[in-house]
N, C-alpha and C. Protein backbone atom coordinates (compact mmCIF):
# COMPACT_ATOMS: atom_id res chain seq x y z
N MET A 1 -6.20 -52.32 -40.81
CA MET A 1 -4.68 -53.51 -41.25
C MET A 1 -4.62 -53.91 -42.83
N LYS A 2 -5.69 -53.90 -43.72
CA LYS A 2 -5.11 -53.94 -44.67
C LYS A 2 -4.67 -53.01 -45.67
N SER A 3 -4.66 -52.17 -45.17
CA SER A 3 -3.72 -50.52 -45.64
C SER A 3 -2.61 -50.93 -45.54
N LEU A 4 -2.04 -51.55 -44.22
CA LEU A 4 -0.15 -52.28 -43.56
C LEU A 4 0.05 -53.23 -45.15
N SER A 5 -0.79 -53.88 -45.57
CA SER A 5 -0.63 -54.75 -46.48
C SER A 5 0.78 -54.14 -47.61
N ARG A 6 0.17 -53.15 -48.18
CA ARG A 6 0.93 -52.29 -49.75
C ARG A 6 2.73 -52.19 -48.71
N PHE A 7 2.90 -52.34 -47.27
CA PHE A 7 4.00 -51.94 -46.99
C PHE A 7 4.75 -53.34 -46.76
N ALA A 8 3.94 -54.64 -46.97
CA ALA A 8 4.94 -55.58 -46.69
C ALA A 8 6.13 -55.70 -46.99
N ASP A 9 6.24 -55.92 -48.69
CA ASP A 9 7.30 -56.04 -49.35
C ASP A 9 8.26 -54.95 -49.11
N PRO A 10 8.05 -53.88 -49.14
CA PRO A 10 9.53 -53.27 -48.61
C PRO A 10 9.91 -53.06 -47.46
N VAL A 11 8.93 -53.15 -46.40
CA VAL A 11 9.40 -53.85 -44.54
C VAL A 11 10.53 -54.93 -44.42
N TYR A 12 9.96 -55.73 -45.39
CA TYR A 12 10.25 -57.61 -45.01
C TYR A 12 12.02 -57.20 -45.85
N CYS A 13 11.63 -56.57 -47.47
CA CYS A 13 13.44 -55.74 -47.16
C CYS A 13 14.08 -55.55 -47.20
N ILE A 14 13.79 -54.73 -46.60
CA ILE A 14 14.49 -54.01 -45.17
C ILE A 14 14.69 -54.64 -44.24
N MET A 15 14.29 -55.09 -43.69
CA MET A 15 14.39 -56.28 -42.49
C MET A 15 15.36 -57.55 -42.78
N ARG A 16 15.26 -57.65 -44.54
CA ARG A 16 16.18 -58.72 -45.14
C ARG A 16 17.25 -58.23 -44.70
N LEU A 17 17.59 -56.66 -45.45
CA LEU A 17 19.15 -55.75 -45.43
C LEU A 17 19.79 -55.62 -43.94
N ILE A 18 19.19 -55.37 -43.30
CA ILE A 18 19.32 -55.34 -41.96
C ILE A 18 19.91 -56.12 -41.11
N VAL A 19 19.42 -57.84 -41.21
CA VAL A 19 18.98 -59.05 -40.46
C VAL A 19 20.78 -59.28 -41.17
N GLY A 20 20.66 -59.45 -42.80
CA GLY A 20 22.39 -59.87 -43.77
C GLY A 20 23.79 -58.71 -43.20
N LEU A 21 22.95 -57.35 -42.68
CA LEU A 21 24.05 -56.79 -42.16
C LEU A 21 24.39 -57.06 -41.58
N LEU A 22 24.09 -57.26 -40.50
CA LEU A 22 24.42 -58.30 -39.34
C LEU A 22 25.47 -58.75 -38.69
N PHE A 23 24.64 -59.75 -39.94
CA PHE A 23 25.64 -61.07 -40.25
C PHE A 23 26.66 -60.91 -40.50
N PHE A 24 26.83 -60.01 -41.17
CA PHE A 24 27.72 -59.98 -42.14
C PHE A 24 28.84 -59.07 -41.08
N CYS A 25 28.34 -59.02 -40.73
CA CYS A 25 29.15 -58.09 -39.23
C CYS A 25 29.85 -58.83 -38.29
N HIS A 26 28.84 -60.45 -38.09
CA HIS A 26 29.81 -61.36 -37.19
C HIS A 26 30.97 -61.68 -37.75
N GLY A 27 30.18 -61.82 -38.85
CA GLY A 27 32.03 -62.77 -39.76
C GLY A 27 32.61 -61.77 -39.81
N ALA A 28 32.84 -60.47 -40.60
CA ALA A 28 34.37 -59.42 -40.72
C ALA A 28 34.42 -59.73 -39.46
N GLN A 29 34.13 -59.73 -38.49
CA GLN A 29 35.08 -59.66 -36.55
C GLN A 29 35.14 -60.77 -36.65
N LYS A 30 35.28 -62.01 -36.98
CA LYS A 30 35.48 -63.20 -36.50
C LYS A 30 36.95 -63.11 -37.70
N VAL A 31 36.64 -63.06 -39.00
CA VAL A 31 37.64 -63.64 -39.93
C VAL A 31 38.42 -61.83 -40.71
N LEU A 32 37.97 -60.94 -40.16
CA LEU A 32 38.80 -59.57 -40.62
C LEU A 32 38.96 -58.43 -40.00
N GLY A 33 39.06 -58.98 -38.08
CA GLY A 33 38.98 -58.44 -37.54
C GLY A 33 38.38 -57.30 -37.15
N TRP A 34 37.43 -57.02 -37.80
CA TRP A 34 36.48 -56.18 -37.73
C TRP A 34 35.80 -55.55 -36.69
N PHE A 35 35.44 -54.75 -36.44
CA PHE A 35 34.33 -54.13 -35.56
C PHE A 35 34.67 -54.78 -33.79
N ALA A 36 35.72 -54.63 -33.40
CA ALA A 36 36.39 -55.47 -32.06
C ALA A 36 36.27 -54.24 -30.86
N LYS A 37 36.24 -55.00 -29.85
CA LYS A 37 36.33 -53.65 -28.87
C LYS A 37 37.61 -52.89 -28.94
N PRO A 38 38.16 -51.49 -28.04
CA PRO A 38 39.36 -51.07 -28.42
C PRO A 38 40.28 -51.84 -27.45
N GLY A 39 40.67 -52.76 -27.84
CA GLY A 39 42.49 -53.52 -27.18
C GLY A 39 42.25 -54.80 -26.84
N GLN A 40 41.13 -55.15 -27.30
CA GLN A 40 40.83 -56.64 -27.71
C GLN A 40 41.50 -57.20 -28.53
N THR A 41 42.36 -58.16 -28.25
CA THR A 41 43.54 -58.79 -29.31
C THR A 41 42.61 -59.77 -30.28
N ARG A 42 42.37 -59.95 -31.33
CA ARG A 42 42.68 -61.05 -32.18
C ARG A 42 42.73 -62.75 -31.78
N GLU A 43 42.14 -63.17 -31.42
CA GLU A 43 42.69 -64.52 -31.26
C GLU A 43 42.62 -65.34 -32.53
N PRO A 44 43.23 -66.37 -32.39
CA PRO A 44 43.60 -67.16 -33.23
C PRO A 44 42.11 -68.18 -33.65
N LEU A 45 41.84 -68.72 -35.27
CA LEU A 45 40.41 -69.06 -35.22
C LEU A 45 40.59 -70.03 -34.83
N ASP A 46 39.89 -71.26 -34.70
CA ASP A 46 40.03 -72.42 -35.18
C ASP A 46 39.18 -72.82 -36.48
N LEU A 47 38.96 -74.24 -36.85
CA LEU A 47 38.87 -74.70 -38.66
C LEU A 47 37.12 -74.48 -38.53
N MET A 48 36.67 -74.52 -37.31
CA MET A 48 34.71 -74.57 -37.37
C MET A 48 34.89 -72.56 -37.27
N MET A 49 35.46 -72.21 -36.46
CA MET A 49 35.26 -70.62 -36.54
C MET A 49 35.58 -70.15 -37.95
N THR A 50 36.25 -70.70 -37.72
CA THR A 50 37.13 -69.60 -39.51
C THR A 50 35.88 -70.34 -41.01
N VAL A 51 35.57 -71.33 -41.12
CA VAL A 51 34.59 -71.69 -41.65
C VAL A 51 33.10 -71.14 -41.15
N GLY A 52 32.47 -71.19 -40.23
CA GLY A 52 31.61 -70.01 -39.41
C GLY A 52 31.88 -68.64 -40.04
N GLY A 53 32.66 -67.66 -39.65
CA GLY A 53 33.04 -66.66 -39.67
C GLY A 53 33.05 -66.46 -41.65
N TRP A 54 33.21 -67.14 -42.31
CA TRP A 54 33.41 -67.09 -43.65
C TRP A 54 31.67 -67.68 -44.54
N ILE A 55 31.00 -67.78 -43.90
CA ILE A 55 29.79 -68.79 -44.38
C ILE A 55 28.88 -66.68 -43.89
N GLU A 56 28.69 -66.72 -42.75
CA GLU A 56 28.37 -64.95 -41.75
C GLU A 56 28.74 -64.03 -43.06
N LEU A 57 29.89 -64.29 -43.28
CA LEU A 57 30.33 -62.78 -44.48
C LEU A 57 29.70 -62.63 -45.72
N ALA A 58 30.13 -64.02 -46.10
CA ALA A 58 29.51 -64.00 -47.74
C ALA A 58 27.93 -63.96 -47.76
N GLY A 59 27.31 -65.16 -46.38
CA GLY A 59 25.90 -65.36 -46.68
C GLY A 59 25.47 -63.90 -46.12
N GLY A 60 26.04 -63.40 -45.28
CA GLY A 60 25.73 -62.43 -44.40
C GLY A 60 25.17 -60.64 -46.13
N LEU A 61 26.42 -60.57 -46.42
CA LEU A 61 25.95 -60.01 -47.64
C LEU A 61 25.43 -60.60 -48.78
N LEU A 62 25.35 -61.92 -49.51
CA LEU A 62 24.29 -62.68 -50.43
C LEU A 62 22.59 -61.85 -49.72
N ILE A 63 22.66 -62.17 -48.60
CA ILE A 63 21.13 -62.36 -47.70
C ILE A 63 20.94 -60.53 -48.05
N ALA A 64 21.89 -59.91 -47.41
CA ALA A 64 21.37 -58.20 -47.17
C ALA A 64 20.69 -57.49 -48.35
N ILE A 65 21.65 -58.19 -49.97
CA ILE A 65 21.25 -57.29 -51.08
C ILE A 65 20.84 -57.90 -52.04
N GLY A 66 20.27 -59.44 -51.39
CA GLY A 66 19.51 -60.00 -52.35
C GLY A 66 19.74 -60.87 -53.37
N LEU A 67 21.04 -61.33 -53.29
CA LEU A 67 21.13 -62.13 -54.60
C LEU A 67 21.62 -63.79 -53.90
N LEU A 68 21.16 -64.77 -54.15
CA LEU A 68 21.25 -66.25 -54.06
C LEU A 68 20.67 -66.87 -52.60
N THR A 69 19.75 -65.91 -52.20
CA THR A 69 19.20 -65.24 -51.29
C THR A 69 18.86 -66.61 -50.68
N ARG A 70 17.56 -67.42 -51.69
CA ARG A 70 18.09 -68.99 -50.82
C ARG A 70 18.67 -69.58 -50.48
N PRO A 71 19.70 -70.11 -51.67
CA PRO A 71 20.71 -70.73 -50.49
C PRO A 71 21.33 -70.43 -49.42
N ALA A 72 21.68 -68.98 -49.59
CA ALA A 72 22.75 -68.59 -48.50
C ALA A 72 21.90 -68.51 -47.53
N ALA A 73 20.50 -67.74 -47.72
CA ALA A 73 19.31 -68.07 -46.15
C ALA A 73 19.05 -69.34 -45.31
N PHE A 74 19.44 -70.33 -46.40
CA PHE A 74 20.00 -72.09 -45.94
C PHE A 74 20.54 -71.78 -44.95
N LEU A 75 22.37 -72.28 -46.25
CA LEU A 75 23.29 -72.52 -45.31
C LEU A 75 23.56 -71.38 -43.87
N ALA A 76 22.83 -70.11 -43.91
CA ALA A 76 22.72 -69.77 -42.86
C ALA A 76 22.23 -70.35 -41.51
N SER A 77 20.92 -70.62 -41.52
CA SER A 77 19.77 -71.06 -41.62
C SER A 77 20.90 -72.33 -40.50
N GLY A 78 20.97 -72.94 -41.53
CA GLY A 78 21.65 -74.16 -40.71
C GLY A 78 22.74 -74.18 -40.15
N MET A 79 23.79 -72.75 -40.18
CA MET A 79 25.03 -72.81 -39.43
C MET A 79 24.12 -72.37 -38.18
N MET A 80 23.71 -71.54 -38.36
CA MET A 80 22.93 -70.93 -36.57
C MET A 80 22.90 -72.07 -36.35
N ALA A 81 21.68 -72.92 -36.40
CA ALA A 81 21.49 -74.41 -35.59
C ALA A 81 22.31 -75.33 -34.79
N VAL A 82 23.54 -74.95 -36.01
CA VAL A 82 24.29 -75.94 -35.16
C VAL A 82 25.15 -75.12 -34.56
N ALA A 83 24.69 -73.84 -34.34
CA ALA A 83 25.90 -73.00 -33.34
C ALA A 83 25.07 -73.27 -32.64
N TYR A 84 24.10 -73.08 -32.50
CA TYR A 84 23.10 -73.01 -31.08
C TYR A 84 23.76 -74.40 -30.71
N PHE A 85 23.34 -75.73 -31.12
CA PHE A 85 23.32 -76.95 -30.21
C PHE A 85 25.12 -76.58 -30.36
N MET A 86 25.71 -77.23 -30.66
CA MET A 86 27.64 -76.87 -29.94
C MET A 86 27.66 -75.85 -28.87
N ALA A 87 27.22 -74.82 -29.28
CA ALA A 87 27.99 -73.53 -28.27
C ALA A 87 27.32 -73.36 -27.12
N HIS A 88 25.57 -73.37 -27.07
CA HIS A 88 24.89 -73.28 -26.31
C HIS A 88 23.56 -74.63 -25.42
N ALA A 89 23.52 -74.95 -26.61
CA ALA A 89 22.62 -76.01 -25.95
C ALA A 89 23.02 -77.33 -24.66
N SER A 90 24.42 -76.94 -24.98
CA SER A 90 24.88 -77.92 -23.63
C SER A 90 25.10 -77.16 -21.80
N GLY A 91 24.44 -75.73 -22.14
CA GLY A 91 24.19 -75.60 -20.98
C GLY A 91 22.89 -75.49 -20.42
N SER A 92 22.06 -75.69 -21.19
CA SER A 92 20.70 -76.01 -20.37
C SER A 92 20.00 -75.79 -22.36
N LEU A 93 18.79 -76.45 -21.91
CA LEU A 93 17.42 -76.70 -23.27
C LEU A 93 16.49 -74.84 -23.43
N PHE A 94 16.66 -74.41 -22.33
CA PHE A 94 16.17 -72.55 -22.62
C PHE A 94 17.13 -71.68 -23.48
N PRO A 95 16.77 -71.09 -24.43
CA PRO A 95 17.88 -70.23 -24.90
C PRO A 95 18.02 -68.81 -24.07
N ILE A 96 17.46 -69.06 -23.46
CA ILE A 96 17.61 -67.55 -21.97
C ILE A 96 18.23 -67.90 -20.85
N VAL A 97 18.24 -69.19 -20.82
CA VAL A 97 19.34 -69.24 -19.64
C VAL A 97 20.80 -69.73 -20.36
N ASN A 98 21.05 -70.30 -20.96
CA ASN A 98 22.34 -70.24 -22.15
C ASN A 98 22.48 -69.18 -22.92
N ARG A 99 21.86 -68.38 -23.04
CA ARG A 99 22.56 -67.26 -23.92
C ARG A 99 22.66 -67.91 -25.57
N GLY A 100 21.55 -68.38 -26.01
CA GLY A 100 21.48 -68.62 -27.16
C GLY A 100 20.34 -68.31 -27.79
N GLU A 101 20.07 -66.93 -27.33
CA GLU A 101 18.52 -66.15 -27.59
C GLU A 101 19.07 -65.87 -29.31
N LEU A 102 19.96 -65.09 -29.67
CA LEU A 102 20.53 -64.19 -31.08
C LEU A 102 20.78 -65.94 -31.87
N ALA A 103 21.23 -66.64 -31.87
CA ALA A 103 22.00 -67.87 -32.42
C ALA A 103 19.77 -68.47 -32.48
N VAL A 104 19.18 -68.54 -32.02
CA VAL A 104 17.80 -69.21 -32.20
C VAL A 104 16.71 -68.08 -33.49
N VAL A 105 17.35 -66.64 -33.26
CA VAL A 105 16.88 -65.75 -33.63
C VAL A 105 16.87 -65.92 -34.96
N TYR A 106 18.00 -65.67 -35.04
CA TYR A 106 19.02 -66.11 -36.68
C TYR A 106 18.95 -67.35 -37.36
N THR A 107 18.64 -68.18 -36.44
CA THR A 107 18.21 -70.11 -37.41
C THR A 107 16.73 -69.69 -38.09
N TRP A 108 15.71 -68.86 -36.87
CA TRP A 108 14.46 -69.03 -37.31
C TRP A 108 14.19 -67.54 -38.58
N LEU A 109 14.64 -66.45 -38.11
CA LEU A 109 14.85 -65.29 -39.12
C LEU A 109 15.47 -66.12 -40.78
N PHE A 110 16.37 -66.65 -41.13
CA PHE A 110 16.92 -67.43 -42.07
C PHE A 110 16.32 -68.24 -42.61
N LEU A 111 15.77 -69.38 -41.97
CA LEU A 111 14.89 -70.06 -42.29
C LEU A 111 13.23 -69.37 -42.71
N PHE A 112 12.99 -68.48 -42.33
CA PHE A 112 11.89 -68.02 -43.31
C PHE A 112 12.14 -66.97 -44.25
N ILE A 113 13.49 -66.96 -44.17
CA ILE A 113 13.82 -65.70 -45.26
C ILE A 113 14.00 -66.86 -46.65
N PHE A 114 14.53 -68.42 -46.74
CA PHE A 114 14.69 -69.32 -47.22
C PHE A 114 13.58 -69.63 -48.02
N PHE A 115 12.14 -69.64 -47.32
CA PHE A 115 10.79 -69.73 -47.81
C PHE A 115 10.45 -68.57 -48.34
N TYR A 116 10.49 -67.71 -48.09
CA TYR A 116 9.99 -66.34 -48.56
C TYR A 116 9.88 -66.20 -49.83
N GLY A 117 12.25 -65.66 -49.44
CA GLY A 117 12.29 -65.56 -50.60
C GLY A 117 13.10 -64.34 -50.60
N PRO A 118 13.51 -63.38 -51.79
CA PRO A 118 14.84 -62.58 -51.93
C PRO A 118 13.26 -61.24 -51.81
N GLY A 119 12.51 -60.96 -52.39
CA GLY A 119 11.37 -60.24 -52.27
C GLY A 119 11.48 -59.74 -53.47
N ARG A 120 10.58 -58.52 -54.10
CA ARG A 120 10.93 -57.79 -55.22
C ARG A 120 12.15 -56.62 -54.74
N TRP A 121 12.70 -56.02 -53.93
CA TRP A 121 13.56 -55.58 -53.72
C TRP A 121 14.94 -55.91 -53.28
N SER A 122 15.51 -56.50 -54.17
CA SER A 122 16.76 -57.58 -54.56
C SER A 122 17.43 -57.91 -56.05
N VAL A 123 18.67 -58.03 -55.89
CA VAL A 123 19.57 -58.45 -56.65
C VAL A 123 18.41 -59.98 -57.65
N ASP A 124 18.19 -60.68 -56.62
CA ASP A 124 17.81 -62.04 -57.29
C ASP A 124 16.51 -61.05 -58.43
N ALA A 125 15.42 -60.41 -57.86
CA ALA A 125 14.16 -60.30 -58.63
C ALA A 125 14.83 -59.27 -59.91
N MET A 126 16.27 -58.18 -60.02
CA MET A 126 16.62 -57.62 -60.96
C MET A 126 17.33 -58.01 -62.18
N ILE A 127 18.03 -59.42 -61.56
CA ILE A 127 18.22 -60.66 -62.80
C ILE A 127 16.98 -61.65 -62.93
N ARG A 128 15.74 -61.78 -62.56
CA ARG A 128 14.33 -61.96 -63.16
C ARG A 128 13.60 -61.06 -63.60
N GLY A 129 14.52 -59.67 -63.92
CA GLY A 129 13.62 -58.53 -64.92
C GLY A 129 12.97 -57.68 -63.96
N GLY A 130 12.91 -57.40 -62.68
CA GLY A 130 11.98 -56.50 -61.83
C GLY A 130 11.11 -57.77 -60.88
N VAL A 131 10.62 -58.94 -61.35
CA VAL A 131 10.08 -59.83 -60.92
C VAL A 131 10.25 -60.82 -59.55
N ALA A 132 9.99 -60.66 -58.84
CA ALA A 132 9.86 -61.54 -57.55
C ALA A 132 9.41 -62.81 -57.92
N PRO A 133 9.86 -64.13 -57.10
CA PRO A 133 9.50 -65.48 -57.63
C PRO A 133 8.46 -65.45 -57.30
N GLU A 134 7.41 -66.14 -57.98
CA GLU A 134 5.65 -66.35 -57.10
C GLU A 134 6.07 -66.79 -55.66
N SER A 135 6.43 -67.60 -55.02
CA SER A 135 6.11 -67.98 -53.94
C SER A 135 6.48 -66.59 -52.79
N SER A 136 7.15 -66.01 -53.14
CA SER A 136 7.86 -64.79 -52.09
C SER A 136 6.49 -63.32 -52.19
N ILE A 137 6.20 -63.37 -53.01
CA ILE A 137 4.51 -62.00 -53.80
C ILE A 137 3.45 -62.50 -52.76
N PRO A 138 3.03 -62.25 -51.71
CA PRO A 138 1.48 -62.55 -51.13
C PRO A 138 0.23 -61.88 -51.38
N GLU A 139 -0.20 -62.83 -51.28
CA GLU A 139 -1.44 -63.13 -52.24
C GLU A 139 -2.71 -62.42 -51.22
N SER A 140 -2.99 -61.26 -52.16
CA SER A 140 -4.25 -60.38 -51.11
C SER A 140 -5.36 -60.81 -51.48
N SER A 141 -6.23 -61.04 -49.87
CA SER A 141 -7.33 -61.65 -50.08
C SER A 141 -8.32 -60.20 -50.38
N SER A 142 -9.36 -60.80 -50.76
CA SER A 142 -10.80 -59.68 -50.39
C SER A 142 -11.63 -59.81 -49.38
N THR A 143 -11.20 -60.39 -48.95
CA THR A 143 -12.36 -60.51 -47.24
C THR A 143 -12.71 -59.03 -46.79
């Protein structure tokens, strides 16, 4: 299994890209009206949905490219936790029952990204001269 460790950072960065783009799509759907189902009309958004849509749109892009990754991931994680408790938790405590699985997954994925950092394949790393922050480089053990 040690041979798979060399792929950890590239796979993490690909995961960050995909999750960020998916989150961006949710924001683009709310704010810009993109990705709507055929024949579906765009409903006006209240202030909370508008702010959430912009966090999804901007935060998703920032996370995807790895720019200001930690602040963007922290904000996105908090927003998704609030979304879960405001929109889903009143139905049931269990996400499988209240249809809040995606909110819970995004919350924990973004919290992980916040703690792990941007990774080596990111704009943040390029700004630092191609070096990822210390906390995002996994230590390899010689056991």
